[in-house]
Protein backbone atom coordinates (compact mmCIF):
# COMPACT_ATOMS: atom_id res chain seq x y z
CA MET A 1 -9.00 44.77 32.00
CA SER A 2 -9.00 41.57 30.02
CA THR A 3 -5.74 39.48 30.26
CA ASN A 4 -6.41 36.73 27.87
CA ALA A 5 -3.88 35.12 25.42
CA ILE A 6 -4.90 37.28 22.66
CA ASP A 7 -4.16 40.46 24.52
CA GLN A 8 -0.77 39.22 25.51
CA HIS A 9 0.28 38.38 21.87
CA ASN A 10 -0.75 41.89 20.70
CA ALA A 11 -2.28 40.53 17.70
CA THR A 12 -5.77 40.76 16.30
CA PRO A 13 -7.05 37.50 14.89
CA ALA A 14 -9.24 37.42 11.81
CA ASN A 15 -11.58 34.84 13.16
CA GLU A 16 -12.29 32.65 16.26
CA ALA A 17 -10.42 29.71 14.94
CA GLU A 18 -7.26 31.73 14.45
CA ALA A 19 -7.68 33.23 17.91
CA HIS A 20 -7.95 29.60 19.40
CA ALA A 21 -4.86 28.47 17.34
CA SER A 22 -2.81 31.42 18.65
CA ILE A 23 -3.47 30.38 22.29
CA HIS A 24 -1.87 26.90 21.54
CA ASP A 25 1.17 28.06 19.66
CA GLU A 26 3.67 26.70 22.10
CA THR A 27 4.39 23.03 22.33
CA ILE A 28 4.27 21.92 25.93
CA GLY A 29 4.56 18.31 25.28
CA HIS A 30 1.61 16.11 26.31
CA GLY A 31 3.61 12.98 26.61
CA ASN A 32 3.11 11.70 23.06
CA THR A 33 6.65 10.07 23.10
CA PRO A 34 7.93 6.56 23.20
CA ALA A 35 9.34 7.31 26.79
CA ALA A 36 6.00 8.38 28.06
CA TRP A 37 4.01 5.52 26.47
CA THR A 38 6.52 2.90 27.63
CA CYS A 39 6.48 4.38 31.15
CA VAL A 40 2.60 4.41 31.36
CA LEU A 41 2.15 0.96 29.85
CA ILE A 42 4.68 -0.66 32.33
CA MET A 43 2.94 1.27 35.15
CA MET A 44 -0.33 0.10 34.04
CA GLY A 45 0.72 -3.52 34.06
CA GLY A 46 2.19 -3.03 37.64
CA GLY A 47 -1.11 -1.40 38.64
CA LEU A 48 -2.93 -4.49 37.34
CA ILE A 49 -0.77 -6.92 39.11
CA SER A 50 -0.96 -4.91 42.30
CA SER A 51 -4.78 -4.80 41.96
CA ILE A 52 -5.05 -8.54 41.51
CA GLY A 53 -2.75 -9.00 44.44
CA PHE A 54 -4.96 -6.81 46.54
CA VAL A 55 -8.12 -8.65 45.60
CA VAL A 56 -6.69 -12.04 46.27
CA ALA A 57 -5.07 -10.69 49.49
CA SER A 58 -1.50 -11.49 48.54
CA VAL A 59 1.07 -9.04 49.93
CA LEU A 60 3.78 -10.57 47.74
CA TRP A 61 1.86 -9.93 44.49
CA PHE A 62 0.74 -6.51 45.80
CA CYS A 63 4.51 -5.55 46.45
CA ILE A 64 5.56 -7.02 43.12
CA GLY A 65 3.00 -4.82 41.34
CA LEU A 66 4.41 -1.70 43.18
CA GLY A 67 7.77 -2.70 42.24
CA VAL A 68 6.91 -2.94 38.50
CA MET A 69 5.22 0.43 38.78
CA VAL A 70 8.62 1.94 40.02
CA LEU A 71 10.42 0.11 37.44
CA GLY A 72 8.15 1.82 34.85
CA LEU A 73 9.17 5.33 36.33
CA ILE A 74 12.82 4.43 36.04
CA VAL A 75 12.45 3.09 32.50
CA GLY A 76 10.53 6.28 31.40
CA PHE A 77 13.26 8.49 32.89
CA VAL A 78 16.03 6.59 31.28
CA MET A 79 14.38 6.72 27.95
CA LYS A 80 13.74 10.38 28.25
CA LYS A 81 17.61 10.85 29.09
CA ALA A 82 18.40 8.75 26.12
CA GLY A 83 16.45 11.15 23.82
CA TYR A 84 13.06 9.49 23.43
CA GLY A 85 11.18 12.16 25.50
CA VAL A 86 9.79 15.40 24.53
CA GLY A 87 12.27 17.51 22.61
CA GLY A 88 14.56 14.51 22.55
CA SER A 89 17.29 14.05 20.03
CA LYS A 90 15.96 10.68 18.73
CA LEU A 91 12.67 12.27 17.87
CA SER A 92 13.58 15.40 15.89
CA ASP A 93 13.03 13.96 12.57
CA ASN A 94 9.48 12.15 13.01
CA GLY A 95 7.32 15.07 14.17
CA HIS A 96 7.02 14.15 17.82
């Protein structure tokens, strides 16, 4: 017995494109928010700092990079709680 998304919706799509669209009806949030982008960009900067510290064998710069990555997580979490994450109150009018 087949248990794909079309069977679960109890709908018979007219064509394959409609069937594909029905599978993706729910918005799960792929991180396309200011909170996610800020978190990732800060963490990428921390990764760069940490990588350079590793290459030049500087424990100080390596640890600073790790700290920046942790800071990125904190900033992303705070921005999400402030309404800039998926389903946030600050983004309800602009289509995110």
